[in-house]
Amino acid sequence: MATKRETLEQLLDRLTPHADVSFRAMMGEYVLYCGGKVVGGLYDGRLLVKPVAAACAMLPEAPLELSYDGAKPMLRVPFELPGETLAALFTAVADALPEPKKRRE
């Protein structure tokens, strides 16, 4: 089941004033970026983020789920979190990730 565009728009409306968040549509789902780094995505209507230590500390009760068969487990984030909290979570995940590799030209 693909994620509805309105789900993405609702999430971005809450996040955009607080964080540098962007997205890329991919096979009916949405990959989410913060500061140019992949931090998670919307999969089957679920908000999932990479389970870095900071995210696990912020959401100790969050279950690990697969975005698709064969994927690495990710933390399921409740949509009910306030925009400021979601932004802090996305920023913490991005800060814990390495810089993206530069593309060859």
N, C-alpha and C. Protein backbone atom coordinates (compact mmCIF):
# COMPACT_ATOMS: atom_id res chain seq x y z
N MET A 1 0.85 -1.19 0.00
CA MET A 1 0.00 0.00 0.00
C MET A 1 0.88 1.24 0.00
N ALA A 2 0.74 2.07 -0.97
CA ALA A 2 1.55 3.29 -1.09
C ALA A 2 1.09 4.35 -0.08
N THR A 3 2.01 5.19 0.30
CA THR A 3 1.70 6.29 1.21
C THR A 3 1.01 7.40 0.44
N LYS A 4 -0.04 7.95 1.01
CA LYS A 4 -0.79 9.03 0.36
C LYS A 4 0.03 10.33 0.39
N ARG A 5 -0.07 11.09 -0.67
CA ARG A 5 0.63 12.38 -0.77
C ARG A 5 0.21 13.31 0.36
N GLU A 6 -1.05 13.26 0.77
CA GLU A 6 -1.53 14.13 1.84
C GLU A 6 -0.85 13.81 3.18
N THR A 7 -0.46 12.56 3.38
CA THR A 7 0.29 12.20 4.59
C THR A 7 1.64 12.90 4.60
N LEU A 8 2.31 12.88 3.46
CA LEU A 8 3.59 13.59 3.33
C LEU A 8 3.41 15.08 3.56
N GLU A 9 2.40 15.68 2.95
CA GLU A 9 2.18 17.11 3.08
C GLU A 9 1.89 17.52 4.52
N GLN A 10 1.11 16.70 5.23
CA GLN A 10 0.83 16.99 6.64
C GLN A 10 2.11 16.95 7.47
N LEU A 11 2.95 15.97 7.20
CA LEU A 11 4.22 15.86 7.93
C LEU A 11 5.12 17.05 7.63
N LEU A 12 5.25 17.41 6.36
CA LEU A 12 6.11 18.53 5.98
C LEU A 12 5.60 19.85 6.54
N ASP A 13 4.29 20.03 6.60
CA ASP A 13 3.71 21.25 7.18
C ASP A 13 4.14 21.42 8.63
N ARG A 14 4.23 20.32 9.35
CA ARG A 14 4.61 20.38 10.76
C ARG A 14 6.12 20.51 10.94
N LEU A 15 6.89 19.95 10.02
CA LEU A 15 8.35 19.94 10.15
C LEU A 15 9.05 21.17 9.58
N THR A 16 8.59 21.65 8.45
CA THR A 16 9.29 22.68 7.70
C THR A 16 9.66 23.92 8.51
N PRO A 17 8.80 24.43 9.39
CA PRO A 17 9.22 25.62 10.14
C PRO A 17 10.37 25.35 11.11
N HIS A 18 10.66 24.08 11.39
CA HIS A 18 11.62 23.75 12.44
C HIS A 18 12.90 23.08 11.94
N ALA A 19 12.89 22.53 10.73
CA ALA A 19 14.07 21.78 10.27
C ALA A 19 14.19 21.84 8.76
N ASP A 20 15.40 21.58 8.27
CA ASP A 20 15.70 21.55 6.84
C ASP A 20 15.38 20.15 6.33
N VAL A 21 14.09 19.93 6.01
CA VAL A 21 13.62 18.61 5.60
C VAL A 21 13.18 18.66 4.15
N SER A 22 13.58 17.62 3.40
CA SER A 22 13.14 17.48 2.02
C SER A 22 12.78 16.02 1.79
N PHE A 23 12.31 15.72 0.59
CA PHE A 23 11.88 14.34 0.30
C PHE A 23 12.15 14.00 -1.15
N ARG A 24 12.07 12.70 -1.43
CA ARG A 24 12.14 12.20 -2.79
C ARG A 24 11.14 11.06 -2.89
N ALA A 25 10.26 11.14 -3.89
CA ALA A 25 9.29 10.07 -4.12
C ALA A 25 10.03 8.88 -4.72
N MET A 26 9.69 7.69 -4.20
CA MET A 26 10.35 6.49 -4.69
C MET A 26 9.39 5.31 -4.61
N MET A 27 8.93 4.84 -5.74
CA MET A 27 8.06 3.67 -5.84
C MET A 27 6.83 3.76 -4.94
N GLY A 28 6.16 4.89 -4.95
CA GLY A 28 4.94 5.06 -4.17
C GLY A 28 5.17 5.42 -2.71
N GLU A 29 6.41 5.53 -2.31
CA GLU A 29 6.76 5.90 -0.94
C GLU A 29 7.61 7.17 -0.99
N TYR A 30 8.04 7.65 0.18
CA TYR A 30 8.80 8.89 0.24
C TYR A 30 10.02 8.74 1.14
N VAL A 31 11.19 9.00 0.59
CA VAL A 31 12.43 9.02 1.36
C VAL A 31 12.58 10.42 1.91
N LEU A 32 12.90 10.54 3.21
CA LEU A 32 13.01 11.83 3.88
C LEU A 32 14.47 12.18 4.15
N TYR A 33 14.80 13.44 3.91
CA TYR A 33 16.16 13.95 4.10
C TYR A 33 16.13 15.08 5.11
N CYS A 34 17.18 15.18 5.88
CA CYS A 34 17.38 16.32 6.78
C CYS A 34 18.82 16.76 6.60
N GLY A 35 19.01 18.01 6.22
CA GLY A 35 20.36 18.50 5.98
C GLY A 35 21.08 17.74 4.88
N GLY A 36 20.33 17.22 3.91
CA GLY A 36 20.93 16.50 2.79
C GLY A 36 21.23 15.04 3.06
N LYS A 37 20.90 14.53 4.25
CA LYS A 37 21.16 13.14 4.61
C LYS A 37 19.84 12.37 4.71
N VAL A 38 19.85 11.12 4.27
CA VAL A 38 18.66 10.28 4.39
C VAL A 38 18.48 9.90 5.86
N VAL A 39 17.35 10.34 6.44
CA VAL A 39 17.09 10.04 7.85
C VAL A 39 15.99 9.02 8.04
N GLY A 40 15.18 8.80 7.00
CA GLY A 40 14.09 7.84 7.12
C GLY A 40 13.15 7.97 5.95
N GLY A 41 11.87 7.68 6.20
CA GLY A 41 10.91 7.79 5.13
C GLY A 41 9.50 7.47 5.57
N LEU A 42 8.60 7.62 4.63
CA LEU A 42 7.21 7.24 4.81
C LEU A 42 6.99 5.98 3.99
N TYR A 43 6.63 4.90 4.67
CA TYR A 43 6.45 3.61 4.04
C TYR A 43 5.11 3.03 4.49
N ASP A 44 4.24 2.74 3.54
CA ASP A 44 2.92 2.19 3.87
C ASP A 44 2.21 3.03 4.92
N GLY A 45 2.34 4.35 4.81
CA GLY A 45 1.67 5.25 5.75
C GLY A 45 2.34 5.33 7.11
N ARG A 46 3.51 4.73 7.27
CA ARG A 46 4.23 4.75 8.55
C ARG A 46 5.46 5.66 8.43
N LEU A 47 5.74 6.40 9.49
CA LEU A 47 6.94 7.23 9.55
C LEU A 47 8.03 6.42 10.23
N LEU A 48 9.11 6.15 9.51
CA LEU A 48 10.23 5.37 10.04
C LEU A 48 11.51 6.19 9.92
N VAL A 49 12.38 6.09 10.95
CA VAL A 49 13.68 6.75 10.92
C VAL A 49 14.77 5.74 11.24
N LYS A 50 15.99 6.08 10.83
CA LYS A 50 17.13 5.20 11.10
C LYS A 50 17.33 5.10 12.62
N PRO A 51 17.64 3.90 13.10
CA PRO A 51 17.76 3.69 14.54
C PRO A 51 19.14 4.03 15.11
N VAL A 52 19.58 5.26 14.91
CA VAL A 52 20.85 5.70 15.51
C VAL A 52 20.65 5.85 17.02
N ALA A 53 21.73 5.90 17.78
CA ALA A 53 21.64 5.95 19.24
C ALA A 53 20.79 7.11 19.74
N ALA A 54 20.94 8.27 19.13
CA ALA A 54 20.18 9.45 19.57
C ALA A 54 18.68 9.24 19.38
N ALA A 55 18.29 8.64 18.26
CA ALA A 55 16.86 8.38 18.00
C ALA A 55 16.32 7.35 18.99
N CYS A 56 17.09 6.33 19.26
CA CYS A 56 16.66 5.30 20.23
C CYS A 56 16.50 5.90 21.62
N ALA A 57 17.37 6.84 21.97
CA ALA A 57 17.28 7.50 23.28
C ALA A 57 16.04 8.40 23.35
N MET A 58 15.71 9.06 22.24
CA MET A 58 14.55 9.95 22.22
C MET A 58 13.24 9.18 22.19
N LEU A 59 13.25 7.99 21.61
CA LEU A 59 12.03 7.17 21.47
C LEU A 59 12.29 5.76 22.00
N PRO A 60 12.51 5.62 23.30
CA PRO A 60 12.88 4.31 23.84
C PRO A 60 11.81 3.23 23.67
N GLU A 61 10.56 3.62 23.52
CA GLU A 61 9.47 2.65 23.38
C GLU A 61 9.13 2.35 21.92
N ALA A 62 9.78 3.03 20.98
CA ALA A 62 9.45 2.86 19.56
C ALA A 62 9.85 1.47 19.07
N PRO A 63 8.94 0.80 18.39
CA PRO A 63 9.27 -0.52 17.86
C PRO A 63 10.13 -0.42 16.61
N LEU A 64 10.91 -1.45 16.37
CA LEU A 64 11.68 -1.56 15.13
C LEU A 64 10.80 -2.25 14.10
N GLU A 65 10.73 -1.69 12.90
CA GLU A 65 9.92 -2.27 11.82
C GLU A 65 10.70 -2.20 10.52
N LEU A 66 10.31 -3.04 9.58
CA LEU A 66 10.93 -3.04 8.26
C LEU A 66 10.14 -2.13 7.32
N SER A 67 10.85 -1.35 6.53
CA SER A 67 10.17 -0.50 5.56
C SER A 67 9.66 -1.33 4.39
N TYR A 68 10.36 -2.39 4.07
CA TYR A 68 9.98 -3.35 3.03
C TYR A 68 10.76 -4.63 3.29
N ASP A 69 10.35 -5.73 2.67
CA ASP A 69 11.04 -7.00 2.87
C ASP A 69 12.50 -6.89 2.47
N GLY A 70 13.38 -7.34 3.35
CA GLY A 70 14.80 -7.31 3.08
C GLY A 70 15.51 -6.05 3.53
N ALA A 71 14.76 -5.07 4.02
CA ALA A 71 15.36 -3.81 4.48
C ALA A 71 15.88 -3.95 5.91
N LYS A 72 16.71 -3.01 6.30
CA LYS A 72 17.18 -2.96 7.69
C LYS A 72 16.06 -2.40 8.55
N PRO A 73 15.98 -2.84 9.82
CA PRO A 73 14.93 -2.32 10.71
C PRO A 73 15.11 -0.83 10.97
N MET A 74 13.97 -0.16 11.13
CA MET A 74 13.96 1.27 11.43
C MET A 74 12.99 1.51 12.58
N LEU A 75 13.13 2.65 13.25
CA LEU A 75 12.23 3.01 14.34
C LEU A 75 10.93 3.57 13.80
N ARG A 76 9.82 3.08 14.33
CA ARG A 76 8.53 3.65 13.94
C ARG A 76 8.24 4.85 14.83
N VAL A 77 7.98 5.98 14.21
CA VAL A 77 7.77 7.25 14.92
C VAL A 77 6.28 7.57 14.93
N PRO A 78 5.73 7.89 16.10
CA PRO A 78 4.31 8.26 16.14
C PRO A 78 4.08 9.61 15.45
N PHE A 79 3.06 9.67 14.61
CA PHE A 79 2.73 10.92 13.92
C PHE A 79 2.25 12.00 14.89
N GLU A 80 1.82 11.61 16.06
CA GLU A 80 1.25 12.56 17.02
C GLU A 80 2.29 13.47 17.65
N LEU A 81 3.57 13.18 17.49
CA LEU A 81 4.60 14.02 18.10
C LEU A 81 4.50 15.44 17.57
N PRO A 82 4.74 16.44 18.41
CA PRO A 82 4.73 17.83 17.94
C PRO A 82 5.82 18.07 16.90
N GLY A 83 5.59 19.07 16.05
CA GLY A 83 6.55 19.39 14.99
C GLY A 83 7.95 19.67 15.51
N GLU A 84 8.05 20.35 16.65
CA GLU A 84 9.36 20.67 17.22
C GLU A 84 10.10 19.39 17.63
N THR A 85 9.36 18.43 18.17
CA THR A 85 9.96 17.17 18.60
C THR A 85 10.40 16.35 17.39
N LEU A 86 9.56 16.31 16.37
CA LEU A 86 9.92 15.60 15.14
C LEU A 86 11.17 16.23 14.51
N ALA A 87 11.22 17.55 14.49
CA ALA A 87 12.38 18.25 13.92
C ALA A 87 13.64 17.93 14.72
N ALA A 88 13.53 17.91 16.04
CA ALA A 88 14.69 17.58 16.87
C ALA A 88 15.14 16.14 16.61
N LEU A 89 14.19 15.23 16.42
CA LEU A 89 14.51 13.84 16.11
C LEU A 89 15.22 13.75 14.77
N PHE A 90 14.68 14.39 13.74
CA PHE A 90 15.29 14.34 12.42
C PHE A 90 16.70 14.94 12.45
N THR A 91 16.86 16.04 13.16
CA THR A 91 18.17 16.68 13.26
C THR A 91 19.16 15.78 13.99
N ALA A 92 18.71 15.13 15.07
CA ALA A 92 19.59 14.23 15.82
C ALA A 92 20.03 13.05 14.95
N VAL A 93 19.12 12.50 14.16
CA VAL A 93 19.47 11.40 13.27
C VAL A 93 20.48 11.89 12.23
N ALA A 94 20.22 13.02 11.61
CA ALA A 94 21.13 13.56 10.60
C ALA A 94 22.51 13.83 11.18
N ASP A 95 22.56 14.38 12.39
CA ASP A 95 23.85 14.68 13.02
C ASP A 95 24.66 13.41 13.31
N ALA A 96 23.98 12.28 13.52
CA ALA A 96 24.67 11.03 13.83
C ALA A 96 25.16 10.30 12.58
N LEU A 97 24.69 10.70 11.42
CA LEU A 97 25.05 10.02 10.18
C LEU A 97 26.27 10.66 9.53
N PRO A 98 27.05 9.86 8.80
CA PRO A 98 28.20 10.43 8.09
C PRO A 98 27.74 11.31 6.93
N GLU A 99 28.63 12.15 6.48
CA GLU A 99 28.33 12.99 5.32
C GLU A 99 28.12 12.11 4.10
N PRO A 100 27.18 12.49 3.23
CA PRO A 100 26.98 11.69 2.01
C PRO A 100 28.23 11.72 1.13
N LYS A 101 28.46 10.63 0.42
CA LYS A 101 29.60 10.57 -0.49
C LYS A 101 29.37 11.48 -1.66
N LYS A 102 30.43 12.14 -2.08
CA LYS A 102 30.36 13.03 -3.23
C LYS A 102 30.25 12.21 -4.51
N ARG A 103 29.42 12.65 -5.43
CA ARG A 103 29.29 11.98 -6.72
C ARG A 103 30.44 12.39 -7.64
N ARG A 104 30.87 11.44 -8.41
CA ARG A 104 31.90 11.76 -9.42
C ARG A 104 31.26 12.46 -10.57
N GLU A 105 31.96 13.40 -11.11
CA GLU A 105 31.42 14.13 -12.28
C GLU A 105 32.07 13.69 -13.54
